[in-house]
Amino acid sequence: MTGAVMDAPDMARALTRIAHEILERNGGASGIVLLGIPTRGLPLAKRLAARIAAVEPGFDAEACTGAIDITMYRDDLRRQPTRSIGETTLPQAGIDDEVVVLVDDVFHTGRTVRAALDAVKDVGRPRSVQLAVLVDRGHRELPIRADYVGKNLPTAQAEKVRVMLDEIDGEDAVVIERPDAGGEG
């Protein structure tokens, strides 16, 4: 069974709000770099950068956006099937002394973010690292929290939260996938 919790307009409003919160917290866009965690964090980072650029003259969305591959930093490599290593792309100026905003679609246990923090440490020394997520579903296993959240979505452990993005899936939506209750319904 599947239940939609966000549609395209909901997602657009959440991303616009997050962009404004990033600007407010950092006193503008100067020194901000958005790094998306593939797969869906990268298009979200690009969308956030475009919204920041629309508000802040002089912010070059393309030059201030990149991707941080976390494949080799994951703590579950032994238990997961072989994964292909993704690409880390940093702004030409790098991330040293910048405010890095990591962007991901769903925040769950915190292990993906921990891996991203390790990856960031290996490519530079930012002034600070912040976290923006479209959905925070809870069930943290590590003491990490998001700075910017599009939607807090309390879920059961057995449920899955799936973010669909137009760039990848052909539509924008967030759905909760619940396990079948014995074929009822």
Protein backbone atom coordinates (compact mmCIF):
# COMPACT_ATOMS: atom_id res chain seq x y z
CA MET A 1 0.00 0.00 0.00
CA THR A 2 1.27 3.46 -0.87
CA GLY A 3 0.25 6.88 0.42
CA ALA A 4 1.29 10.20 -1.16
CA VAL A 5 2.40 12.80 1.41
CA MET A 6 3.85 15.53 -0.84
CA ASP A 7 3.09 16.51 -4.41
CA ALA A 8 5.02 18.81 -6.76
CA PRO A 9 3.66 22.10 -5.32
CA ASP A 10 4.35 20.90 -1.75
CA MET A 11 7.92 20.05 -2.69
CA ALA A 12 8.42 23.38 -4.45
CA ARG A 13 7.20 25.31 -1.40
CA ALA A 14 9.43 23.25 0.93
CA LEU A 15 12.51 23.88 -1.22
CA THR A 16 11.77 27.60 -1.46
CA ARG A 17 11.43 27.78 2.33
CA ILE A 18 14.70 25.86 2.84
CA ALA A 19 16.51 28.20 0.41
CA HIS A 20 15.31 31.24 2.36
CA GLU A 21 16.28 29.61 5.68
CA ILE A 22 19.79 28.93 4.34
CA LEU A 23 20.15 32.57 3.31
CA GLU A 24 18.79 33.87 6.59
CA ARG A 25 20.99 31.67 8.75
CA ASN A 26 24.14 32.50 6.79
CA GLY A 27 23.51 36.20 6.27
CA GLY A 28 23.23 35.83 2.50
CA ALA A 29 24.71 33.57 -0.14
CA SER A 30 28.37 34.54 0.10
CA GLY A 31 30.55 31.49 0.69
CA ILE A 32 27.74 28.92 0.35
CA VAL A 33 28.40 25.68 -1.52
CA LEU A 34 25.63 23.10 -2.00
CA LEU A 35 26.77 19.49 -2.29
CA GLY A 36 24.10 16.96 -3.23
CA ILE A 37 24.36 13.37 -2.03
CA PRO A 38 23.58 11.24 -5.10
CA THR A 39 21.25 10.10 -6.33
CA ARG A 40 18.36 12.39 -5.45
CA GLY A 41 20.27 14.85 -3.32
CA LEU A 42 22.04 16.27 -6.37
CA PRO A 43 18.93 17.45 -8.26
CA LEU A 44 17.58 18.84 -4.98
CA ALA A 45 20.84 20.75 -4.44
CA LYS A 46 20.55 22.19 -7.96
CA ARG A 47 16.97 23.25 -7.28
CA LEU A 48 17.97 24.91 -4.00
CA ALA A 49 20.86 26.70 -5.73
CA ALA A 50 18.48 28.02 -8.40
CA ARG A 51 16.14 29.35 -5.71
CA ILE A 52 19.02 31.01 -3.87
CA ALA A 53 20.22 32.58 -7.14
CA ALA A 54 16.73 33.96 -7.78
CA VAL A 55 16.88 35.86 -4.48
CA GLU A 56 20.60 36.70 -4.24
CA PRO A 57 22.13 38.64 -7.13
CA GLY A 58 25.62 37.44 -7.89
CA PHE A 59 25.12 33.88 -6.61
CA ASP A 60 26.21 31.56 -9.41
CA ALA A 61 24.03 28.49 -8.88
CA GLU A 62 26.00 26.27 -11.23
CA ALA A 63 29.43 27.28 -9.90
CA CYS A 64 28.35 26.77 -6.27
CA THR A 65 26.78 23.32 -6.64
CA GLY A 66 28.43 19.92 -6.68
CA ALA A 67 28.04 16.29 -5.71
CA ILE A 68 29.70 14.28 -2.97
CA ASP A 69 29.95 10.53 -3.56
CA ILE A 70 29.78 8.56 -0.32
CA THR A 71 30.06 5.01 -1.68
CA MET A 72 33.44 4.16 -0.16
CA TYR A 73 32.59 5.85 3.15
CA ARG A 74 29.50 3.75 3.90
CA ASP A 75 29.62 1.47 6.93
CA ASP A 76 27.51 -1.23 5.26
CA LEU A 77 29.75 -2.09 2.31
CA ARG A 78 30.25 -5.65 3.52
CA ARG A 79 26.51 -6.30 3.76
CA GLN A 80 25.38 -4.61 0.54
CA PRO A 81 25.77 -5.80 -3.03
CA THR A 82 28.64 -4.32 -4.99
CA ARG A 83 28.04 -0.67 -5.79
CA SER A 84 29.56 1.38 -8.52
CA ILE A 85 31.57 4.34 -7.32
CA GLY A 86 29.96 7.65 -8.17
CA GLU A 87 31.56 10.93 -9.03
CA THR A 88 32.41 13.72 -6.63
CA THR A 89 32.24 17.08 -8.34
CA LEU A 90 33.28 20.16 -6.42
CA PRO A 91 33.01 23.80 -7.40
CA GLN A 92 36.18 24.97 -9.15
CA ALA A 93 37.10 27.10 -6.13
CA GLY A 94 36.81 24.06 -3.85
CA ILE A 95 35.18 23.98 -0.41
CA ASP A 96 37.96 25.24 1.86
CA ASP A 97 36.67 27.95 4.23
CA GLU A 98 33.18 27.81 2.65
CA VAL A 99 29.84 26.92 4.22
CA VAL A 100 28.99 23.52 2.78
CA VAL A 101 25.33 22.60 2.76
CA LEU A 102 24.91 18.86 2.26
CA VAL A 103 21.61 18.10 0.52
CA ASP A 104 19.76 14.79 0.59
CA ASP A 105 16.25 13.59 -0.06
CA VAL A 106 15.41 11.46 3.00
CA PHE A 107 17.06 11.66 6.42
CA HIS A 108 16.66 8.38 8.28
CA THR A 109 19.31 6.75 10.49
CA GLY A 110 22.04 9.35 9.97
CA ARG A 111 24.50 6.86 8.50
CA THR A 112 24.42 8.38 5.00
CA VAL A 113 25.15 11.80 6.47
CA ARG A 114 27.99 10.40 8.57
CA ALA A 115 29.48 8.94 5.39
CA ALA A 116 29.04 12.30 3.62
CA LEU A 117 30.82 14.10 6.47
CA ASP A 118 33.75 11.68 6.12
CA ALA A 119 33.82 12.26 2.35
CA VAL A 120 33.78 16.06 2.81
CA LYS A 121 36.69 15.81 5.24
CA ASP A 122 38.75 14.10 2.54
CA VAL A 123 38.17 16.79 -0.11
CA GLY A 124 38.58 19.97 1.89
CA ARG A 125 38.16 21.89 5.11
CA PRO A 126 34.94 23.90 5.05
CA ARG A 127 34.25 26.69 7.54
CA SER A 128 31.11 24.77 8.54
CA VAL A 129 28.87 21.98 7.29
CA GLN A 130 25.09 22.19 7.39
CA LEU A 131 22.45 19.65 6.35
CA ALA A 132 19.32 20.23 4.28
CA VAL A 133 16.86 17.38 3.68
CA LEU A 134 13.52 17.25 1.92
CA VAL A 135 12.10 14.68 4.37
CA ASP A 136 13.14 13.74 7.92
CA ARG A 137 11.52 10.42 8.78
CA GLY A 138 13.14 9.87 12.18
CA HIS A 139 14.64 6.61 13.51
CA ARG A 140 18.08 8.12 14.07
CA GLU A 141 20.92 5.74 14.95
CA LEU A 142 23.59 8.44 15.18
CA PRO A 143 23.51 11.82 16.98
CA ILE A 144 23.05 13.88 13.82
CA ARG A 145 20.24 16.31 13.03
CA ALA A 146 19.27 18.33 9.98
CA ASP A 147 19.59 22.12 9.96
CA TYR A 148 16.89 22.51 7.29
CA VAL A 149 13.93 20.16 6.83
CA GLY A 150 11.24 20.33 4.16
CA LYS A 151 8.86 18.01 6.00
CA ASN A 152 9.09 16.03 9.24
CA LEU A 153 7.38 12.75 8.51
CA PRO A 154 7.05 10.35 11.45
CA THR A 155 7.08 6.82 10.07
CA ALA A 156 6.99 3.25 11.27
CA GLN A 157 10.27 1.40 10.94
CA ALA A 158 8.75 -1.00 8.38
CA GLU A 159 7.57 1.83 6.13
CA LYS A 160 9.68 3.20 3.29
CA VAL A 161 9.73 6.83 2.20
CA ARG A 162 10.27 7.24 -1.52
CA VAL A 163 11.09 10.59 -3.09
CA MET A 164 10.42 10.86 -6.79
CA LEU A 165 11.98 13.72 -8.75
CA ASP A 166 11.05 14.91 -12.21
CA GLU A 167 14.72 14.81 -13.31
CA ILE A 168 14.98 11.08 -12.51
CA ASP A 169 11.47 9.65 -12.22
CA GLY A 170 9.43 11.93 -14.47
CA GLU A 171 7.36 13.36 -11.61
CA ASP A 172 7.73 15.09 -8.24
CA ALA A 173 6.19 13.30 -5.26
CA VAL A 174 6.95 11.86 -1.85
CA VAL A 175 5.16 8.65 -0.95
CA ILE A 176 5.13 6.34 2.02
CA GLU A 177 5.20 2.68 1.07
CA ARG A 178 3.67 0.51 3.73
CA PRO A 179 4.00 -3.26 3.88
CA ASP A 180 0.79 -5.08 2.96
CA ALA A 181 -1.34 -6.02 5.96
CA GLY A 182 -1.86 -9.65 4.97
CA GLY A 183 -3.65 -8.90 1.71
CA GLU A 184 -6.51 -6.97 3.34
CA GLY A 185 -8.13 -4.08 1.67
